[in-house]
């Protein structure tokens, strides 16, 4: 969000605040009550919080497994790609009689070209 948008949203928030002291006190009381009600939810609904905790632990275990699986698959895929390098000695039987030097591109220079181009 741009700085201008943030300023506009904050300005609107301040603009809708009550200016009367009684209304301010009532708003403060409602906000404090809502915050207290939210914080003490598990005190009122212990069984739901316990079940939510169990679901959260299960979710974290599954997320950890998924991350490990993705990592292992990526590592395996990269190692298989490295093994399929045509210049690698692991695939000498698949190359037939060609040697690694036969497959190396000769058009790549070893240094800067000499003379004017």
C-alpha atoms as a PDB file:
ATOM      1  CA  UNK A   1       0.000   0.000   0.000  1.00  0.00           C
ATOM      2  CA  UNK A   2       1.332   3.404  -0.839  1.00  0.00           C
ATOM      3  CA  UNK A   3       1.983   6.022   1.798  1.00  0.00           C
ATOM      4  CA  UNK A   4      -0.881   8.155   0.465  1.00  0.00           C
ATOM      5  CA  UNK A   5      -3.397   5.314   0.825  1.00  0.00           C
ATOM      6  CA  UNK A   6      -2.264   4.628   4.376  1.00  0.00           C
ATOM      7  CA  UNK A   7      -2.648   8.309   5.218  1.00  0.00           C
ATOM      8  CA  UNK A   8      -6.159   8.369   3.725  1.00  0.00           C
ATOM      9  CA  UNK A   9      -7.275   5.282   5.640  1.00  0.00           C
ATOM     10  CA  UNK A  10      -5.865   6.631   8.905  1.00  0.00           C
ATOM     11  CA  UNK A  11      -7.522   9.988   8.288  1.00  0.00           C
ATOM     12  CA  UNK A  12     -10.884   8.314   7.698  1.00  0.00           C
ATOM     13  CA  UNK A  13     -10.429   6.293  10.865  1.00  0.00           C
ATOM     14  CA  UNK A  14      -9.760   9.422  12.881  1.00  0.00           C
ATOM     15  CA  UNK A  15     -12.650  11.274  11.197  1.00  0.00           C
ATOM     16  CA  UNK A  16     -15.244   8.677  12.268  1.00  0.00           C
ATOM     17  CA  UNK A  17     -14.149   8.772  15.929  1.00  0.00           C
ATOM     18  CA  UNK A  18     -16.728  10.395  18.202  1.00  0.00           C
ATOM     19  CA  UNK A  19     -16.009  13.868  19.515  1.00  0.00           C
ATOM     20  CA  UNK A  20     -18.441  13.747  22.474  1.00  0.00           C
ATOM     21  CA  UNK A  21     -16.805  12.517  25.715  1.00  0.00           C
ATOM     22  CA  UNK A  22     -19.731  10.241  26.563  1.00  0.00           C
ATOM     23  CA  UNK A  23     -19.578   8.585  23.155  1.00  0.00           C
ATOM     24  CA  UNK A  24     -15.805   8.245  23.467  1.00  0.00           C
ATOM     25  CA  UNK A  25     -16.194   6.547  26.864  1.00  0.00           C
ATOM     26  CA  UNK A  26     -18.875   4.204  25.488  1.00  0.00           C
ATOM     27  CA  UNK A  27     -16.690   3.308  22.486  1.00  0.00           C
ATOM     28  CA  UNK A  28     -13.719   2.699  24.772  1.00  0.00           C
ATOM     29  CA  UNK A  29     -15.811   0.433  26.989  1.00  0.00           C
ATOM     30  CA  UNK A  30     -17.128  -1.559  24.005  1.00  0.00           C
ATOM     31  CA  UNK A  31     -13.624  -1.968  22.587  1.00  0.00           C
ATOM     32  CA  UNK A  32     -12.254  -3.129  25.956  1.00  0.00           C
ATOM     33  CA  UNK A  33     -15.138  -5.583  26.369  1.00  0.00           C
ATOM     34  CA  UNK A  34     -14.617  -6.990  22.870  1.00  0.00           C
ATOM     35  CA  UNK A  35     -10.876  -7.402  23.477  1.00  0.00           C
ATOM     36  CA  UNK A  36     -11.503  -9.148  26.820  1.00  0.00           C
ATOM     37  CA  UNK A  37     -14.128 -11.419  25.258  1.00  0.00           C
ATOM     38  CA  UNK A  38     -11.706 -12.376  22.460  1.00  0.00           C
ATOM     39  CA  UNK A  39      -8.790 -13.071  24.812  1.00  0.00           C
ATOM     40  CA  UNK A  40     -10.869 -15.238  27.154  1.00  0.00           C
ATOM     41  CA  UNK A  41     -12.471 -17.353  24.404  1.00  0.00           C
ATOM     42  CA  UNK A  42     -10.624 -20.520  25.433  1.00  0.00           C
ATOM     43  CA  UNK A  43     -11.707 -20.038  29.055  1.00  0.00           C
ATOM     44  CA  UNK A  44     -15.322 -20.241  27.917  1.00  0.00           C
ATOM     45  CA  UNK A  45     -14.861 -22.898  25.213  1.00  0.00           C
ATOM     46  CA  UNK A  46     -12.107 -25.186  26.459  1.00  0.00           C
ATOM     47  CA  UNK A  47     -13.099 -28.219  24.396  1.00  0.00           C
ATOM     48  CA  UNK A  48     -13.098 -26.252  21.137  1.00  0.00           C
ATOM     49  CA  UNK A  49      -9.676 -24.788  21.888  1.00  0.00           C
ATOM     50  CA  UNK A  50      -8.327 -28.235  22.724  1.00  0.00           C
ATOM     51  CA  UNK A  51      -9.619 -29.628  19.436  1.00  0.00           C
ATOM     52  CA  UNK A  52      -8.229 -26.625  17.560  1.00  0.00           C
ATOM     53  CA  UNK A  53      -4.844 -27.253  19.174  1.00  0.00           C
ATOM     54  CA  UNK A  54      -4.904 -30.877  18.039  1.00  0.00           C
ATOM     55  CA  UNK A  55      -5.872 -29.849  14.506  1.00  0.00           C
ATOM     56  CA  UNK A  56      -3.091 -27.252  14.503  1.00  0.00           C
ATOM     57  CA  UNK A  57      -0.504 -29.845  15.582  1.00  0.00           C
ATOM     58  CA  UNK A  58      -1.709 -32.182  12.832  1.00  0.00           C
ATOM     59  CA  UNK A  59      -1.560 -29.355  10.290  1.00  0.00           C
ATOM     60  CA  UNK A  60       1.998 -28.459  11.337  1.00  0.00           C
ATOM     61  CA  UNK A  61       3.096 -32.100  11.043  1.00  0.00           C
ATOM     62  CA  UNK A  62       1.588 -32.313   7.560  1.00  0.00           C
ATOM     63  CA  UNK A  63       3.183 -29.010   6.548  1.00  0.00           C
ATOM     64  CA  UNK A  64       6.557 -30.242   7.790  1.00  0.00           C
ATOM     65  CA  UNK A  65       6.140 -33.485   5.819  1.00  0.00           C
ATOM     66  CA  UNK A  66       5.143 -31.538   2.685  1.00  0.00           C
ATOM     67  CA  UNK A  67       8.172 -29.279   3.011  1.00  0.00           C
ATOM     68  CA  UNK A  68      10.514 -32.234   3.463  1.00  0.00           C
ATOM     69  CA  UNK A  69       8.899 -34.013   0.517  1.00  0.00           C
ATOM     70  CA  UNK A  70       9.284 -30.957  -1.732  1.00  0.00           C
ATOM     71  CA  UNK A  71      12.908 -30.550  -0.666  1.00  0.00           C
ATOM     72  CA  UNK A  72      13.724 -34.220  -1.229  1.00  0.00           C
ATOM     73  CA  UNK A  73      12.060 -34.219  -4.655  1.00  0.00           C
ATOM     74  CA  UNK A  74      13.955 -31.072  -5.659  1.00  0.00           C
ATOM     75  CA  UNK A  75      17.277 -32.533  -4.503  1.00  0.00           C
ATOM     76  CA  UNK A  76      16.597 -35.841  -6.269  1.00  0.00           C
ATOM     77  CA  UNK A  77      15.582 -34.064  -9.479  1.00  0.00           C
ATOM     78  CA  UNK A  78      18.696 -31.902  -9.440  1.00  0.00           C
ATOM     79  CA  UNK A  79      20.950 -34.894  -8.795  1.00  0.00           C
ATOM     80  CA  UNK A  80      19.303 -36.823 -11.642  1.00  0.00           C
ATOM     81  CA  UNK A  81      19.799 -33.817 -13.925  1.00  0.00           C
ATOM     82  CA  UNK A  82      23.463 -33.737 -13.004  1.00  0.00           C
ATOM     83  CA  UNK A  83      23.764 -37.450 -13.752  1.00  0.00           C
ATOM     84  CA  UNK A  84      22.224 -36.943 -17.193  1.00  0.00           C
ATOM     85  CA  UNK A  85      24.919 -34.453 -18.206  1.00  0.00           C
ATOM     86  CA  UNK A  86      26.199 -35.695 -21.573  1.00  0.00           C
ATOM     87  CA  UNK A  87      29.779 -34.998 -20.511  1.00  0.00           C
ATOM     88  CA  UNK A  88      29.489 -36.933 -17.259  1.00  0.00           C
ATOM     89  CA  UNK A  89      31.408 -40.208 -16.933  1.00  0.00           C
ATOM     90  CA  UNK A  90      28.328 -41.966 -15.501  1.00  0.00           C
ATOM     91  CA  UNK A  91      26.771 -42.158 -18.967  1.00  0.00           C
ATOM     92  CA  UNK A  92      29.825 -43.409 -20.825  1.00  0.00           C
ATOM     93  CA  UNK A  93      28.000 -46.597 -21.824  1.00  0.00           C
ATOM     94  CA  UNK A  94      25.154 -44.563 -23.342  1.00  0.00           C
ATOM     95  CA  UNK A  95      27.566 -42.435 -25.389  1.00  0.00           C
ATOM     96  CA  UNK A  96      28.907 -45.429 -27.271  1.00  0.00           C
ATOM     97  CA  UNK A  97      32.422 -44.773 -28.555  1.00  0.00           C
ATOM     98  CA  UNK A  98      32.265 -41.011 -28.093  1.00  0.00           C
ATOM     99  CA  UNK A  99      34.499 -39.482 -25.457  1.00  0.00           C
ATOM    100  CA  UNK A 100      33.790 -36.410 -23.388  1.00  0.00           C
ATOM    101  CA  UNK A 101      36.162 -34.386 -25.605  1.00  0.00           C
ATOM    102  CA  UNK A 102      34.120 -35.397 -28.657  1.00  0.00           C
ATOM    103  CA  UNK A 103      30.986 -33.880 -27.119  1.00  0.00           C
ATOM    104  CA  UNK A 104      32.604 -30.644 -25.951  1.00  0.00           C
ATOM    105  CA  UNK A 105      31.677 -27.693 -28.178  1.00  0.00           C
ATOM    106  CA  UNK A 106      34.775 -26.455 -30.014  1.00  0.00           C
ATOM    107  CA  UNK A 107      33.216 -23.161 -30.996  1.00  0.00           C
ATOM    108  CA  UNK A 108      33.642 -21.764 -27.471  1.00  0.00           C
ATOM    109  CA  UNK A 109      36.818 -19.821 -27.166  1.00  0.00           C
ATOM    110  CA  UNK A 110      39.145 -20.071 -24.194  1.00  0.00           C
ATOM    111  CA  UNK A 111      39.888 -16.378 -23.924  1.00  0.00           C
ATOM    112  CA  UNK A 112      39.367 -13.049 -25.564  1.00  0.00           C
ATOM    113  CA  UNK A 113      39.697 -12.940 -29.354  1.00  0.00           C
ATOM    114  CA  UNK A 114      42.981 -11.612 -30.683  1.00  0.00           C
ATOM    115  CA  UNK A 115      43.152  -8.726 -33.093  1.00  0.00           C
ATOM    116  CA  UNK A 116      40.444  -6.401 -34.426  1.00  0.00           C
ATOM    117  CA  UNK A 117      36.927  -7.594 -34.850  1.00  0.00           C
END
